[in-house]
C-alpha atoms as a PDB file:
ATOM      1  CA  UNK A   1      -4.131 145.527  55.999  1.00  0.00           C
ATOM      2  CA  UNK A   2      -7.255 143.876  54.581  1.00  0.00           C
ATOM      3  CA  UNK A   3      -8.442 144.556  51.706  1.00  0.00           C
ATOM      4  CA  UNK A   4     -10.565 147.836  51.888  1.00  0.00           C
ATOM      5  CA  UNK A   5      -6.995 149.913  53.146  1.00  0.00           C
ATOM      6  CA  UNK A   6      -4.823 147.101  50.454  1.00  0.00           C
ATOM      7  CA  UNK A   7      -7.481 148.873  47.656  1.00  0.00           C
ATOM      8  CA  UNK A   8      -6.830 151.726  48.929  1.00  0.00           C
ATOM      9  CA  UNK A   9      -3.146 151.789  49.272  1.00  0.00           C
ATOM     10  CA  UNK A  10      -2.601 149.949  44.933  1.00  0.00           C
ATOM     11  CA  UNK A  11      -4.324 153.055  44.131  1.00  0.00           C
ATOM     12  CA  UNK A  12      -1.001 155.681  45.924  1.00  0.00           C
ATOM     13  CA  UNK A  13       0.916 153.499  43.302  1.00  0.00           C
ATOM     14  CA  UNK A  14      -0.830 154.452  40.498  1.00  0.00           C
ATOM     15  CA  UNK A  15      -2.142 150.953  39.492  1.00  0.00           C
ATOM     16  CA  UNK A  16      -4.748 150.696  36.858  1.00  0.00           C
ATOM     17  CA  UNK A  17      -7.554 147.763  38.167  1.00  0.00           C
ATOM     18  CA  UNK A  18     -10.714 146.003  37.948  1.00  0.00           C
ATOM     19  CA  UNK A  19     -12.743 144.544  40.217  1.00  0.00           C
ATOM     20  CA  UNK A  20     -11.663 140.807  38.966  1.00  0.00           C
ATOM     21  CA  UNK A  21      -8.445 141.350  39.529  1.00  0.00           C
ATOM     22  CA  UNK A  22      -9.146 142.203  43.223  1.00  0.00           C
ATOM     23  CA  UNK A  23     -11.179 138.322  43.206  1.00  0.00           C
ATOM     24  CA  UNK A  24      -8.584 136.936  41.817  1.00  0.00           C
ATOM     25  CA  UNK A  25      -6.680 138.073  44.175  1.00  0.00           C
ATOM     26  CA  UNK A  26      -8.743 136.934  47.178  1.00  0.00           C
ATOM     27  CA  UNK A  27      -9.516 133.308  45.293  1.00  0.00           C
ATOM     28  CA  UNK A  28      -5.044 133.263  45.826  1.00  0.00           C
ATOM     29  CA  UNK A  29      -5.170 134.165  49.624  1.00  0.00           C
ATOM     30  CA  UNK A  30      -8.191 131.283  50.063  1.00  0.00           C
ATOM     31  CA  UNK A  31      -5.733 128.437  47.987  1.00  0.00           C
ATOM     32  CA  UNK A  32      -2.461 129.572  50.037  1.00  0.00           C
ATOM     33  CA  UNK A  33      -5.153 129.920  53.414  1.00  0.00           C
ATOM     34  CA  UNK A  34      -6.207 126.404  52.378  1.00  0.00           C
ATOM     35  CA  UNK A  35      -3.419 124.824  51.217  1.00  0.00           C
ATOM     36  CA  UNK A  36      -0.355 126.040  53.349  1.00  0.00           C
ATOM     37  CA  UNK A  37      -2.182 123.622  56.012  1.00  0.00           C
ATOM     38  CA  UNK A  38      -1.293 121.269  53.664  1.00  0.00           C
ATOM     39  CA  UNK A  39       1.938 122.626  53.200  1.00  0.00           C
ATOM     40  CA  UNK A  40       3.627 124.346  54.899  1.00  0.00           C
ATOM     41  CA  UNK A  41       4.422 127.831  52.234  1.00  0.00           C
ATOM     42  CA  UNK A  42       4.561 130.484  54.191  1.00  0.00           C
ATOM     43  CA  UNK A  43       3.931 131.831  58.029  1.00  0.00           C
ATOM     44  CA  UNK A  44       2.733 134.444  56.993  1.00  0.00           C
ATOM     45  CA  UNK A  45      -1.470 133.027  56.747  1.00  0.00           C
ATOM     46  CA  UNK A  46      -3.159 135.953  58.194  1.00  0.00           C
ATOM     47  CA  UNK A  47      -6.090 138.010  55.774  1.00  0.00           C
ATOM     48  CA  UNK A  48      -4.338 140.988  56.864  1.00  0.00           C
ATOM     49  CA  UNK A  49      -0.516 139.717  56.568  1.00  0.00           C
ATOM     50  CA  UNK A  50      -1.452 138.252  53.769  1.00  0.00           C
ATOM     51  CA  UNK A  51      -2.449 141.584  51.919  1.00  0.00           C
ATOM     52  CA  UNK A  52       0.444 143.768  53.344  1.00  0.00           C
ATOM     53  CA  UNK A  53       3.372 140.908  53.397  1.00  0.00           C
ATOM     54  CA  UNK A  54       2.837 139.566  50.491  1.00  0.00           C
ATOM     55  CA  UNK A  55      -0.168 140.604  48.054  1.00  0.00           C
ATOM     56  CA  UNK A  56       0.722 144.587  48.538  1.00  0.00           C
ATOM     57  CA  UNK A  57       4.749 144.036  49.017  1.00  0.00           C
ATOM     58  CA  UNK A  58       5.180 142.393  45.693  1.00  0.00           C
ATOM     59  CA  UNK A  59       3.915 145.514  44.140  1.00  0.00           C
ATOM     60  CA  UNK A  60       5.773 148.079  45.459  1.00  0.00           C
ATOM     61  CA  UNK A  61       8.242 147.299  42.562  1.00  0.00           C
ATOM     62  CA  UNK A  62       6.543 149.275  40.483  1.00  0.00           C
ATOM     63  CA  UNK A  63       7.942 152.123  42.716  1.00  0.00           C
ATOM     64  CA  UNK A  64      11.035 150.982  39.985  1.00  0.00           C
ATOM     65  CA  UNK A  65       9.831 150.017  36.489  1.00  0.00           C
ATOM     66  CA  UNK A  66       6.554 150.613  34.726  1.00  0.00           C
ATOM     67  CA  UNK A  67       5.854 147.035  34.127  1.00  0.00           C
ATOM     68  CA  UNK A  68       3.176 147.989  31.255  1.00  0.00           C
ATOM     69  CA  UNK A  69       6.477 148.369  29.003  1.00  0.00           C
ATOM     70  CA  UNK A  70       7.839 145.027  30.415  1.00  0.00           C
ATOM     71  CA  UNK A  71       7.326 142.051  27.962  1.00  0.00           C
ATOM     72  CA  UNK A  72       9.206 138.805  30.145  1.00  0.00           C
ATOM     73  CA  UNK A  73       9.916 138.101  33.362  1.00  0.00           C
ATOM     74  CA  UNK A  74      11.606 136.254  35.786  1.00  0.00           C
ATOM     75  CA  UNK A  75      10.887 135.204  39.845  1.00  0.00           C
ATOM     76  CA  UNK A  76      13.937 133.391  41.166  1.00  0.00           C
ATOM     77  CA  UNK A  77      12.335 132.393  44.181  1.00  0.00           C
ATOM     78  CA  UNK A  78       8.923 132.906  43.967  1.00  0.00           C
ATOM     79  CA  UNK A  79       8.007 130.297  46.524  1.00  0.00           C
ATOM     80  CA  UNK A  80       4.261 130.404  47.615  1.00  0.00           C
ATOM     81  CA  UNK A  81       4.186 132.865  43.947  1.00  0.00           C
ATOM     82  CA  UNK A  82       5.882 136.279  45.127  1.00  0.00           C
ATOM     83  CA  UNK A  83       5.867 138.831  43.584  1.00  0.00           C
ATOM     84  CA  UNK A  84       5.756 137.065  40.199  1.00  0.00           C
ATOM     85  CA  UNK A  85       1.738 136.039  41.277  1.00  0.00           C
ATOM     86  CA  UNK A  86       0.785 138.869  41.943  1.00  0.00           C
ATOM     87  CA  UNK A  87       2.436 140.761  38.813  1.00  0.00           C
ATOM     88  CA  UNK A  88       0.599 138.374  36.364  1.00  0.00           C
ATOM     89  CA  UNK A  89      -2.880 139.818  38.034  1.00  0.00           C
ATOM     90  CA  UNK A  90      -2.427 143.158  37.486  1.00  0.00           C
ATOM     91  CA  UNK A  91      -0.039 143.179  34.804  1.00  0.00           C
ATOM     92  CA  UNK A  92      -2.122 140.450  32.526  1.00  0.00           C
ATOM     93  CA  UNK A  93       0.658 141.842  29.384  1.00  0.00           C
ATOM     94  CA  UNK A  94       3.681 140.353  31.274  1.00  0.00           C
ATOM     95  CA  UNK A  95       5.390 136.385  30.263  1.00  0.00           C
ATOM     96  CA  UNK A  96       6.319 136.187  33.559  1.00  0.00           C
ATOM     97  CA  UNK A  97       8.272 133.321  34.960  1.00  0.00           C
ATOM     98  CA  UNK A  98       8.379 130.963  38.077  1.00  0.00           C
ATOM     99  CA  UNK A  99      11.236 129.322  39.284  1.00  0.00           C
ATOM    100  CA  UNK A 100      11.302 127.281  42.625  1.00  0.00           C
ATOM    101  CA  UNK A 101      13.455 123.887  43.469  1.00  0.00           C
ATOM    102  CA  UNK A 102      11.022 123.190  46.172  1.00  0.00           C
ATOM    103  CA  UNK A 103       8.319 120.527  45.305  1.00  0.00           C
ATOM    104  CA  UNK A 104       5.952 121.355  47.366  1.00  0.00           C
ATOM    105  CA  UNK A 105       5.799 124.940  45.993  1.00  0.00           C
ATOM    106  CA  UNK A 106       5.800 123.904  42.507  1.00  0.00           C
ATOM    107  CA  UNK A 107       2.700 121.626  43.181  1.00  0.00           C
ATOM    108  CA  UNK A 108       1.282 124.857  44.202  1.00  0.00           C
ATOM    109  CA  UNK A 109       2.060 127.525  42.064  1.00  0.00           C
ATOM    110  CA  UNK A 110       0.637 124.816  39.234  1.00  0.00           C
ATOM    111  CA  UNK A 111      -2.749 124.996  41.233  1.00  0.00           C
ATOM    112  CA  UNK A 112      -2.688 128.677  41.915  1.00  0.00           C
ATOM    113  CA  UNK A 113      -2.227 129.385  37.487  1.00  0.00           C
ATOM    114  CA  UNK A 114      -5.416 125.993  37.146  1.00  0.00           C
ATOM    115  CA  UNK A 115      -7.273 127.329  39.562  1.00  0.00           C
ATOM    116  CA  UNK A 116      -7.586 131.284  38.169  1.00  0.00           C
ATOM    117  CA  UNK A 117      -6.887 130.204  34.985  1.00  0.00           C
ATOM    118  CA  UNK A 118      -4.283 132.374  34.047  1.00  0.00           C
ATOM    119  CA  UNK A 119      -2.069 132.414  30.881  1.00  0.00           C
ATOM    120  CA  UNK A 120       1.340 132.834  30.014  1.00  0.00           C
ATOM    121  CA  UNK A 121       2.672 131.538  32.680  1.00  0.00           C
ATOM    122  CA  UNK A 122       5.848 129.298  33.313  1.00  0.00           C
ATOM    123  CA  UNK A 123       6.634 127.082  36.137  1.00  0.00           C
ATOM    124  CA  UNK A 124      10.156 125.662  36.208  1.00  0.00           C
ATOM    125  CA  UNK A 125      11.867 123.879  39.249  1.00  0.00           C
ATOM    126  CA  UNK A 126      15.264 123.762  39.343  1.00  0.00           C
ATOM    127  CA  UNK A 127      18.156 125.555  41.065  1.00  0.00           C
ATOM    128  CA  UNK A 128      18.663 129.178  39.571  1.00  0.00           C
ATOM    129  CA  UNK A 129      22.393 128.889  38.599  1.00  0.00           C
ATOM    130  CA  UNK A 130      21.541 125.615  35.765  1.00  0.00           C
ATOM    131  CA  UNK A 131      18.373 127.356  35.241  1.00  0.00           C
ATOM    132  CA  UNK A 132      20.486 130.834  34.635  1.00  0.00           C
ATOM    133  CA  UNK A 133      22.283 128.801  31.385  1.00  0.00           C
ATOM    134  CA  UNK A 134      19.724 127.772  29.378  1.00  0.00           C
ATOM    135  CA  UNK A 135      18.507 131.711  30.000  1.00  0.00           C
ATOM    136  CA  UNK A 136      21.559 134.160  29.025  1.00  0.00           C
ATOM    137  CA  UNK A 137      20.424 137.706  28.469  1.00  0.00           C
ATOM    138  CA  UNK A 138      17.296 136.223  28.215  1.00  0.00           C
ATOM    139  CA  UNK A 139      14.473 138.658  30.513  1.00  0.00           C
ATOM    140  CA  UNK A 140      13.446 141.911  30.534  1.00  0.00           C
ATOM    141  CA  UNK A 141      12.975 142.006  33.999  1.00  0.00           C
ATOM    142  CA  UNK A 142      14.496 139.439  37.445  1.00  0.00           C
ATOM    143  CA  UNK A 143      13.288 139.726  40.548  1.00  0.00           C
ATOM    144  CA  UNK A 144      13.526 137.742  44.072  1.00  0.00           C
ATOM    145  CA  UNK A 145      11.809 138.672  46.755  1.00  0.00           C
ATOM    146  CA  UNK A 146      13.455 137.888  50.498  1.00  0.00           C
ATOM    147  CA  UNK A 147      16.085 135.392  48.909  1.00  0.00           C
ATOM    148  CA  UNK A 148      19.328 134.940  49.722  1.00  0.00           C
ATOM    149  CA  UNK A 149      22.548 137.584  50.510  1.00  0.00           C
ATOM    150  CA  UNK A 150      22.673 139.970  47.352  1.00  0.00           C
ATOM    151  CA  UNK A 151      25.868 139.537  46.392  1.00  0.00           C
ATOM    152  CA  UNK A 152      24.849 135.920  45.790  1.00  0.00           C
ATOM    153  CA  UNK A 153      21.429 136.773  43.511  1.00  0.00           C
ATOM    154  CA  UNK A 154      23.624 139.118  42.109  1.00  0.00           C
ATOM    155  CA  UNK A 155      25.734 136.764  39.914  1.00  0.00           C
ATOM    156  CA  UNK A 156      23.054 134.373  39.925  1.00  0.00           C
ATOM    157  CA  UNK A 157      20.316 136.379  38.862  1.00  0.00           C
ATOM    158  CA  UNK A 158      22.028 139.070  36.463  1.00  0.00           C
ATOM    159  CA  UNK A 159      23.632 136.619  33.992  1.00  0.00           C
ATOM    160  CA  UNK A 160      20.014 136.613  32.788  1.00  0.00           C
ATOM    161  CA  UNK A 161      18.738 139.713  32.499  1.00  0.00           C
ATOM    162  CA  UNK A 162      19.103 140.952  28.475  1.00  0.00           C
ATOM    163  CA  UNK A 163      21.140 143.989  27.515  1.00  0.00           C
ATOM    164  CA  UNK A 164      18.864 147.047  28.720  1.00  0.00           C
ATOM    165  CA  UNK A 165      17.037 144.870  30.916  1.00  0.00           C
ATOM    166  CA  UNK A 166      17.189 144.757  34.842  1.00  0.00           C
ATOM    167  CA  UNK A 167      17.411 143.068  38.037  1.00  0.00           C
ATOM    168  CA  UNK A 168      15.182 144.753  40.836  1.00  0.00           C
ATOM    169  CA  UNK A 169      15.334 142.782  43.980  1.00  0.00           C
ATOM    170  CA  UNK A 170      12.741 143.159  46.958  1.00  0.00           C
ATOM    171  CA  UNK A 171      14.804 144.163  50.380  1.00  0.00           C
ATOM    172  CA  UNK A 172      15.092 145.159  53.245  1.00  0.00           C
ATOM    173  CA  UNK A 173      18.042 146.378  54.728  1.00  0.00           C
ATOM    174  CA  UNK A 174      20.210 146.445  51.936  1.00  0.00           C
ATOM    175  CA  UNK A 175      23.066 149.724  52.039  1.00  0.00           C
ATOM    176  CA  UNK A 176      26.037 147.743  53.319  1.00  0.00           C
ATOM    177  CA  UNK A 177      25.170 144.751  50.682  1.00  0.00           C
ATOM    178  CA  UNK A 178      25.087 147.800  47.426  1.00  0.00           C
ATOM    179  CA  UNK A 179      28.705 149.157  49.556  1.00  0.00           C
ATOM    180  CA  UNK A 180      30.577 145.779  49.175  1.00  0.00           C
ATOM    181  CA  UNK A 181      29.079 144.497  45.859  1.00  0.00           C
ATOM    182  CA  UNK A 182      30.254 147.446  43.810  1.00  0.00           C
ATOM    183  CA  UNK A 183      33.076 145.194  41.798  1.00  0.00           C
ATOM    184  CA  UNK A 184      30.581 142.081  41.927  1.00  0.00           C
ATOM    185  CA  UNK A 185      27.871 144.162  39.604  1.00  0.00           C
ATOM    186  CA  UNK A 186      30.635 146.183  37.675  1.00  0.00           C
ATOM    187  CA  UNK A 187      32.732 142.270  36.766  1.00  0.00           C
ATOM    188  CA  UNK A 188      28.629 141.102  36.062  1.00  0.00           C
ATOM    189  CA  UNK A 189      28.561 143.690  33.366  1.00  0.00           C
ATOM    190  CA  UNK A 190      25.649 146.130  35.418  1.00  0.00           C
ATOM    191  CA  UNK A 191      25.458 149.738  36.654  1.00  0.00           C
ATOM    192  CA  UNK A 192      23.364 150.309  39.870  1.00  0.00           C
ATOM    193  CA  UNK A 193      20.630 152.841  38.708  1.00  0.00           C
ATOM    194  CA  UNK A 194      18.702 153.679  41.329  1.00  0.00           C
ATOM    195  CA  UNK A 195      17.789 152.656  45.081  1.00  0.00           C
ATOM    196  CA  UNK A 196      14.542 153.059  46.402  1.00  0.00           C
ATOM    197  CA  UNK A 197      13.635 153.668  49.743  1.00  0.00           C
ATOM    198  CA  UNK A 198      10.344 153.278  52.062  1.00  0.00           C
ATOM    199  CA  UNK A 199       8.607 151.747  55.005  1.00  0.00           C
ATOM    200  CA  UNK A 200       4.905 149.535  54.725  1.00  0.00           C
ATOM    201  CA  UNK A 201       1.897 151.258  55.217  1.00  0.00           C
ATOM    202  CA  UNK A 202       0.453 150.238  58.710  1.00  0.00           C
ATOM    203  CA  UNK A 203       4.003 148.750  59.977  1.00  0.00           C
ATOM    204  CA  UNK A 204       6.105 151.034  59.076  1.00  0.00           C
ATOM    205  CA  UNK A 205       9.125 148.151  58.494  1.00  0.00           C
ATOM    206  CA  UNK A 206      12.038 148.663  56.007  1.00  0.00           C
ATOM    207  CA  UNK A 207      12.079 148.022  52.243  1.00  0.00           C
ATOM    208  CA  UNK A 208      14.550 148.786  49.569  1.00  0.00           C
ATOM    209  CA  UNK A 209      14.518 148.076  46.067  1.00  0.00           C
ATOM    210  CA  UNK A 210      17.315 148.496  43.828  1.00  0.00           C
ATOM    211  CA  UNK A 211      17.669 148.385  40.582  1.00  0.00           C
ATOM    212  CA  UNK A 212      20.385 146.823  38.158  1.00  0.00           C
ATOM    213  CA  UNK A 213      20.709 147.544  34.587  1.00  0.00           C
ATOM    214  CA  UNK A 214      22.902 145.033  32.439  1.00  0.00           C
ATOM    215  CA  UNK A 215      24.935 147.398  30.043  1.00  0.00           C
ATOM    216  CA  UNK A 216      27.059 144.400  28.342  1.00  0.00           C
ATOM    217  CA  UNK A 217      27.538 141.173  27.546  1.00  0.00           C
ATOM    218  CA  UNK A 218      30.208 138.668  29.740  1.00  0.00           C
ATOM    219  CA  UNK A 219      31.916 135.788  29.657  1.00  0.00           C
ATOM    220  CA  UNK A 220      28.580 132.581  29.865  1.00  0.00           C
ATOM    221  CA  UNK A 221      31.066 130.905  32.593  1.00  0.00           C
ATOM    222  CA  UNK A 222      28.495 132.944  35.045  1.00  0.00           C
ATOM    223  CA  UNK A 223      26.909 131.833  36.983  1.00  0.00           C
ATOM    224  CA  UNK A 224      29.166 129.407  38.624  1.00  0.00           C
ATOM    225  CA  UNK A 225      28.637 126.507  40.333  1.00  0.00           C
ATOM    226  CA  UNK A 226      26.692 127.283  43.614  1.00  0.00           C
ATOM    227  CA  UNK A 227      29.519 126.077  45.910  1.00  0.00           C
ATOM    228  CA  UNK A 228      32.289 128.712  43.934  1.00  0.00           C
ATOM    229  CA  UNK A 229      29.137 131.459  44.189  1.00  0.00           C
ATOM    230  CA  UNK A 230      29.271 130.734  48.280  1.00  0.00           C
ATOM    231  CA  UNK A 231      33.372 129.639  48.216  1.00  0.00           C
ATOM    232  CA  UNK A 232      34.363 132.271  45.860  1.00  0.00           C
ATOM    233  CA  UNK A 233      31.839 135.627  46.247  1.00  0.00           C
ATOM    234  CA  UNK A 234      32.715 138.394  43.222  1.00  0.00           C
ATOM    235  CA  UNK A 235      33.440 141.105  45.595  1.00  0.00           C
ATOM    236  CA  UNK A 236      36.203 139.374  46.772  1.00  0.00           C
ATOM    237  CA  UNK A 237      37.346 138.789  43.558  1.00  0.00           C
ATOM    238  CA  UNK A 238      40.966 140.475  42.613  1.00  0.00           C
ATOM    239  CA  UNK A 239      39.581 140.420  38.801  1.00  0.00           C
END
């Protein structure tokens, strides 16, 4: 996907944008390619693949939620800033929190924010299950892209979503994981509201975007420590 193809597909997503946003995206791409030589941030590094698999893929979350009506958003395991920084560029109304535990990626995120002069965007170096306990019931929207299994993500992320807020991970194939984690979602005071499935333009790889809504308060013991999340998944709980 070249830049012109990206812009064409962007219009199909009904996202309003101007030339300055496209310029920032191009600047972001150039920084990613330059810094990747030093920090090995991503295996996806050609112009065409960055526009398709990083930029366009990040923006597909608008298929599930109107970001104009969202105040704050947390991107868990953001890596080189996907989808968080891309969403900030196109939706400057958002207060964006970026979470990752990798020092090199944290350095890169701060560099991008400085070079693109982005405001109301905050970077945190912490493990998600630790970070969560300082932000329980806090975010309008929590998202994550290509990070961990769904059962791990549900327990780490849903406790941070405020009542009537959403957890919307960007995934590939997901039917089996959704079926296996019905109990997990219920224990975490939430419900699966909808799932949107589609194929990426050009290469036609499968994508799925589930939308989980927090509907009630839960115990502040969640999320548990990572070893407990792994050893005793809620989907196998007898509760």
